[in-house]
Amino acid sequence: MRFAHVAGAALWIGGQLALSLVILPLARHLLAPEAKDSFTAAVGRRFGMLTGAVFLPV
């Protein structure tokens, strides 16, 4: 059980880092400003749903 908890925490933190350091900077450079806003909102919502459905229960 401890392994599942640590693995879930590592995936959650890794996902936050990937979003912050890779995906959002690419979106800033590659997308138009109005598309960037909707994209970042959608990515945040999906990561939040994933967190609530998978990482929190573990």
C-alpha atoms as a PDB file:
ATOM      1  CA  MET A   1       0.000   0.000   0.000  1.00  0.00           C
ATOM      2  CA  ARG A   2       2.851   2.372   0.766  1.00  0.00           C
ATOM      3  CA  PHE A   3       4.308   1.784  -2.708  1.00  0.00           C
ATOM      4  CA  ALA A   4       1.002   2.754  -4.341  1.00  0.00           C
ATOM      5  CA  HIS A   5       0.876   5.923  -2.232  1.00  0.00           C
ATOM      6  CA  VAL A   6       4.438   6.942  -3.089  1.00  0.00           C
ATOM      7  CA  ALA A   7       3.987   6.093  -6.774  1.00  0.00           C
ATOM      8  CA  GLY A   8       0.764   8.122  -6.925  1.00  0.00           C
ATOM      9  CA  ALA A   9       2.431  11.090  -5.243  1.00  0.00           C
ATOM     10  CA  ALA A  10       5.385  10.897  -7.626  1.00  0.00           C
ATOM     11  CA  LEU A  11       3.080  10.798 -10.665  1.00  0.00           C
ATOM     12  CA  TRP A  12       1.043  13.720  -9.317  1.00  0.00           C
ATOM     13  CA  ILE A  13       4.112  15.876  -8.703  1.00  0.00           C
ATOM     14  CA  GLY A  14       5.628  14.800 -12.008  1.00  0.00           C
ATOM     15  CA  GLY A  15       2.430  15.776 -13.783  1.00  0.00           C
ATOM     16  CA  GLN A  16       2.464  19.207 -12.168  1.00  0.00           C
ATOM     17  CA  LEU A  17       6.078  19.714 -13.175  1.00  0.00           C
ATOM     18  CA  ALA A  18       5.430  18.555 -16.728  1.00  0.00           C
ATOM     19  CA  LEU A  19       2.506  20.955 -17.027  1.00  0.00           C
ATOM     20  CA  SER A  20       4.410  23.878 -15.544  1.00  0.00           C
ATOM     21  CA  LEU A  21       7.780  23.359 -17.200  1.00  0.00           C
ATOM     22  CA  VAL A  22       6.941  21.793 -20.578  1.00  0.00           C
ATOM     23  CA  ILE A  23       3.336  22.069 -21.716  1.00  0.00           C
ATOM     24  CA  LEU A  24       2.379  25.590 -20.619  1.00  0.00           C
ATOM     25  CA  PRO A  25       5.540  27.277 -21.962  1.00  0.00           C
ATOM     26  CA  LEU A  26       5.011  25.515 -25.305  1.00  0.00           C
ATOM     27  CA  ALA A  27       1.398  26.659 -25.352  1.00  0.00           C
ATOM     28  CA  ARG A  28       2.495  30.254 -24.735  1.00  0.00           C
ATOM     29  CA  HIS A  29       4.835  30.173 -27.719  1.00  0.00           C
ATOM     30  CA  LEU A  30       2.827  28.103 -30.188  1.00  0.00           C
ATOM     31  CA  LEU A  31      -0.796  29.140 -29.637  1.00  0.00           C
ATOM     32  CA  ALA A  32      -2.628  32.385 -30.218  1.00  0.00           C
ATOM     33  CA  PRO A  33      -3.533  34.272 -27.001  1.00  0.00           C
ATOM     34  CA  GLU A  34      -7.258  33.415 -27.178  1.00  0.00           C
ATOM     35  CA  ALA A  35      -6.511  29.739 -27.912  1.00  0.00           C
ATOM     36  CA  LYS A  36      -3.914  29.627 -25.125  1.00  0.00           C
ATOM     37  CA  ASP A  37      -6.463  30.642 -22.506  1.00  0.00           C
ATOM     38  CA  SER A  38      -8.961  27.942 -23.438  1.00  0.00           C
ATOM     39  CA  PHE A  39      -6.181  25.348 -23.777  1.00  0.00           C
ATOM     40  CA  THR A  40      -4.710  26.046 -20.336  1.00  0.00           C
ATOM     41  CA  ALA A  41      -8.181  25.971 -18.758  1.00  0.00           C
ATOM     42  CA  ALA A  42      -8.943  22.617 -20.407  1.00  0.00           C
ATOM     43  CA  VAL A  43      -5.583  21.138 -19.374  1.00  0.00           C
ATOM     44  CA  GLY A  44      -6.084  22.288 -15.796  1.00  0.00           C
ATOM     45  CA  ARG A  45      -9.586  20.823 -15.657  1.00  0.00           C
ATOM     46  CA  ARG A  46      -8.453  17.466 -17.050  1.00  0.00           C
ATOM     47  CA  PHE A  47      -5.481  17.226 -14.703  1.00  0.00           C
ATOM     48  CA  GLY A  48      -7.780  18.139 -11.816  1.00  0.00           C
ATOM     49  CA  MET A  49     -10.216  15.370 -12.780  1.00  0.00           C
ATOM     50  CA  LEU A  50      -7.361  12.893 -13.079  1.00  0.00           C
ATOM     51  CA  THR A  51      -6.067  13.958  -9.681  1.00  0.00           C
ATOM     52  CA  GLY A  52      -9.491  13.598  -8.071  1.00  0.00           C
ATOM     53  CA  ALA A  53     -10.248  10.263  -9.704  1.00  0.00           C
ATOM     54  CA  VAL A  54      -6.880   8.506  -9.455  1.00  0.00           C
ATOM     55  CA  PHE A  55      -4.302  10.166  -7.224  1.00  0.00           C
ATOM     56  CA  LEU A  56      -6.418  11.212  -4.235  1.00  0.00           C
ATOM     57  CA  PRO A  57      -8.024   7.794  -3.676  1.00  0.00           C
ATOM     58  CA  VAL A  58      -4.610   6.111  -3.756  1.00  0.00           C
END
